[in-house]
Amino acid sequence: TARRLGLSAPIGALVKSIKANSPAALAGIQVGDVIVEFDGTRVENDGHLVTTVGLTPVGRTVNMVIYRNGVASRVTAVLAPSNFE
């Protein structure tokens, strides 16, 4: 899967769904993207990303590195409470 997505190693968290109007959606993250860095921390896997996001204060602006179609991009998001809907 990593090679198919353009990654040299199996790292990062694969985005499987995005909620409308969520911080991820507003940052331009799409289903199929792989988040490899979150707020300066290398993302090892899906669980690592969930834990890291959960430990990050609401309202904080974070930078992420994502891979989409084999190309790395930087995006920025402002974390919101999980009940943002």
C-alpha atoms as a PDB file:
ATOM      1  CA  THR A   1       0.000   0.000   0.000  1.00  0.00           C
ATOM      2  CA  ALA A   2       2.815   2.419   0.867  1.00  0.00           C
ATOM      3  CA  ARG A   3       4.472   1.986  -2.531  1.00  0.00           C
ATOM      4  CA  ARG A   4       1.165   2.356  -4.352  1.00  0.00           C
ATOM      5  CA  LEU A   5       0.635   5.663  -2.527  1.00  0.00           C
ATOM      6  CA  GLY A   6       4.105   6.919  -3.436  1.00  0.00           C
ATOM      7  CA  LEU A   7       5.758   6.402  -0.052  1.00  0.00           C
ATOM      8  CA  SER A   8       9.194   4.846   0.313  1.00  0.00           C
ATOM      9  CA  ALA A   9       8.280   3.123   3.608  1.00  0.00           C
ATOM     10  CA  PRO A  10       5.066   2.077   5.416  1.00  0.00           C
ATOM     11  CA  ILE A  11       4.660   5.174   7.592  1.00  0.00           C
ATOM     12  CA  GLY A  12       1.854   7.611   8.231  1.00  0.00           C
ATOM     13  CA  ALA A  13      -1.884   7.399   8.686  1.00  0.00           C
ATOM     14  CA  LEU A  14      -4.159   6.729   5.736  1.00  0.00           C
ATOM     15  CA  VAL A  15      -7.207   9.021   5.689  1.00  0.00           C
ATOM     16  CA  LYS A  16     -10.255   6.783   5.312  1.00  0.00           C
ATOM     17  CA  SER A  17     -13.030   9.339   5.873  1.00  0.00           C
ATOM     18  CA  ILE A  18     -13.514  13.068   6.386  1.00  0.00           C
ATOM     19  CA  LYS A  19     -16.447  14.728   8.136  1.00  0.00           C
ATOM     20  CA  ALA A  20     -17.901  17.775   6.410  1.00  0.00           C
ATOM     21  CA  ASN A  21     -16.745  21.088   7.919  1.00  0.00           C
ATOM     22  CA  SER A  22     -14.216  19.326  10.167  1.00  0.00           C
ATOM     23  CA  PRO A  23     -10.744  20.804  10.691  1.00  0.00           C
ATOM     24  CA  ALA A  24      -9.368  18.173   8.293  1.00  0.00           C
ATOM     25  CA  ALA A  25     -11.923  19.046   5.603  1.00  0.00           C
ATOM     26  CA  LEU A  26     -11.262  22.768   6.015  1.00  0.00           C
ATOM     27  CA  ALA A  27      -7.509  22.093   5.690  1.00  0.00           C
ATOM     28  CA  GLY A  28      -8.132  20.385   2.342  1.00  0.00           C
ATOM     29  CA  ILE A  29      -7.279  16.851   3.476  1.00  0.00           C
ATOM     30  CA  GLN A  30      -8.960  14.212   1.321  1.00  0.00           C
ATOM     31  CA  VAL A  31      -9.803  10.533   1.606  1.00  0.00           C
ATOM     32  CA  GLY A  32      -6.762   8.593   0.410  1.00  0.00           C
ATOM     33  CA  ASP A  33      -4.212  11.123   1.683  1.00  0.00           C
ATOM     34  CA  VAL A  34      -1.508   9.842   4.009  1.00  0.00           C
ATOM     35  CA  ILE A  35      -0.604  12.079   6.963  1.00  0.00           C
ATOM     36  CA  VAL A  36       3.109  11.560   7.643  1.00  0.00           C
ATOM     37  CA  GLU A  37       3.751  14.478   9.992  1.00  0.00           C
ATOM     38  CA  PHE A  38       1.507  16.183  12.549  1.00  0.00           C
ATOM     39  CA  ASP A  39       2.633  19.316  14.390  1.00  0.00           C
ATOM     40  CA  GLY A  40       6.302  18.466  13.892  1.00  0.00           C
ATOM     41  CA  THR A  41       5.950  14.804  14.902  1.00  0.00           C
ATOM     42  CA  ARG A  42       6.474  11.961  12.438  1.00  0.00           C
ATOM     43  CA  VAL A  43       3.298   9.863  12.252  1.00  0.00           C
ATOM     44  CA  GLU A  44       4.063   6.145  12.525  1.00  0.00           C
ATOM     45  CA  ASN A  45       0.553   4.740  11.903  1.00  0.00           C
ATOM     46  CA  ASP A  46      -3.174   5.410  12.306  1.00  0.00           C
ATOM     47  CA  GLY A  47      -3.188   4.798  16.064  1.00  0.00           C
ATOM     48  CA  HIS A  48      -0.207   7.088  16.597  1.00  0.00           C
ATOM     49  CA  LEU A  49      -2.022   9.907  14.777  1.00  0.00           C
ATOM     50  CA  VAL A  50      -5.207   9.414  16.827  1.00  0.00           C
ATOM     51  CA  THR A  51      -3.210   9.553  20.058  1.00  0.00           C
ATOM     52  CA  THR A  52      -1.201  12.599  18.968  1.00  0.00           C
ATOM     53  CA  VAL A  53      -4.293  14.526  17.893  1.00  0.00           C
ATOM     54  CA  GLY A  54      -6.036  13.605  21.154  1.00  0.00           C
ATOM     55  CA  LEU A  55      -3.149  15.050  23.169  1.00  0.00           C
ATOM     56  CA  THR A  56      -3.137  18.329  21.228  1.00  0.00           C
ATOM     57  CA  PRO A  57      -5.111  21.226  22.760  1.00  0.00           C
ATOM     58  CA  VAL A  58      -8.311  22.390  21.061  1.00  0.00           C
ATOM     59  CA  GLY A  59      -7.796  25.688  19.253  1.00  0.00           C
ATOM     60  CA  ARG A  60      -4.156  24.983  18.414  1.00  0.00           C
ATOM     61  CA  THR A  61      -3.034  25.582  14.845  1.00  0.00           C
ATOM     62  CA  VAL A  62      -1.042  22.613  13.582  1.00  0.00           C
ATOM     63  CA  ASN A  63       0.983  21.990  10.454  1.00  0.00           C
ATOM     64  CA  MET A  64       0.841  18.619   8.748  1.00  0.00           C
ATOM     65  CA  VAL A  65       2.670  16.957   5.899  1.00  0.00           C
ATOM     66  CA  ILE A  66       0.476  14.801   3.710  1.00  0.00           C
ATOM     67  CA  TYR A  67       1.131  12.643   0.680  1.00  0.00           C
ATOM     68  CA  ARG A  68      -1.382  12.698  -2.151  1.00  0.00           C
ATOM     69  CA  ASN A  69      -0.674  10.847  -5.367  1.00  0.00           C
ATOM     70  CA  GLY A  70       2.988  10.509  -4.406  1.00  0.00           C
ATOM     71  CA  VAL A  71       3.466  14.233  -3.787  1.00  0.00           C
ATOM     72  CA  ALA A  72       4.161  15.742  -0.365  1.00  0.00           C
ATOM     73  CA  SER A  73       2.215  18.849   0.649  1.00  0.00           C
ATOM     74  CA  ARG A  74       1.976  20.970   3.775  1.00  0.00           C
ATOM     75  CA  VAL A  75      -1.426  21.848   5.182  1.00  0.00           C
ATOM     76  CA  THR A  76      -2.540  23.748   8.276  1.00  0.00           C
ATOM     77  CA  ALA A  77      -5.548  23.032  10.484  1.00  0.00           C
ATOM     78  CA  VAL A  78      -7.030  24.534  13.638  1.00  0.00           C
ATOM     79  CA  LEU A  79      -8.113  21.796  16.037  1.00  0.00           C
ATOM     80  CA  ALA A  80     -11.725  21.902  17.159  1.00  0.00           C
ATOM     81  CA  PRO A  81     -13.702  19.932  19.728  1.00  0.00           C
ATOM     82  CA  SER A  82     -14.892  16.550  18.479  1.00  0.00           C
ATOM     83  CA  ASN A  83     -18.469  17.816  18.532  1.00  0.00           C
ATOM     84  CA  PHE A  84     -17.784  20.465  15.842  1.00  0.00           C
ATOM     85  CA  GLU A  85     -20.862  19.457  13.781  1.00  0.00           C
END
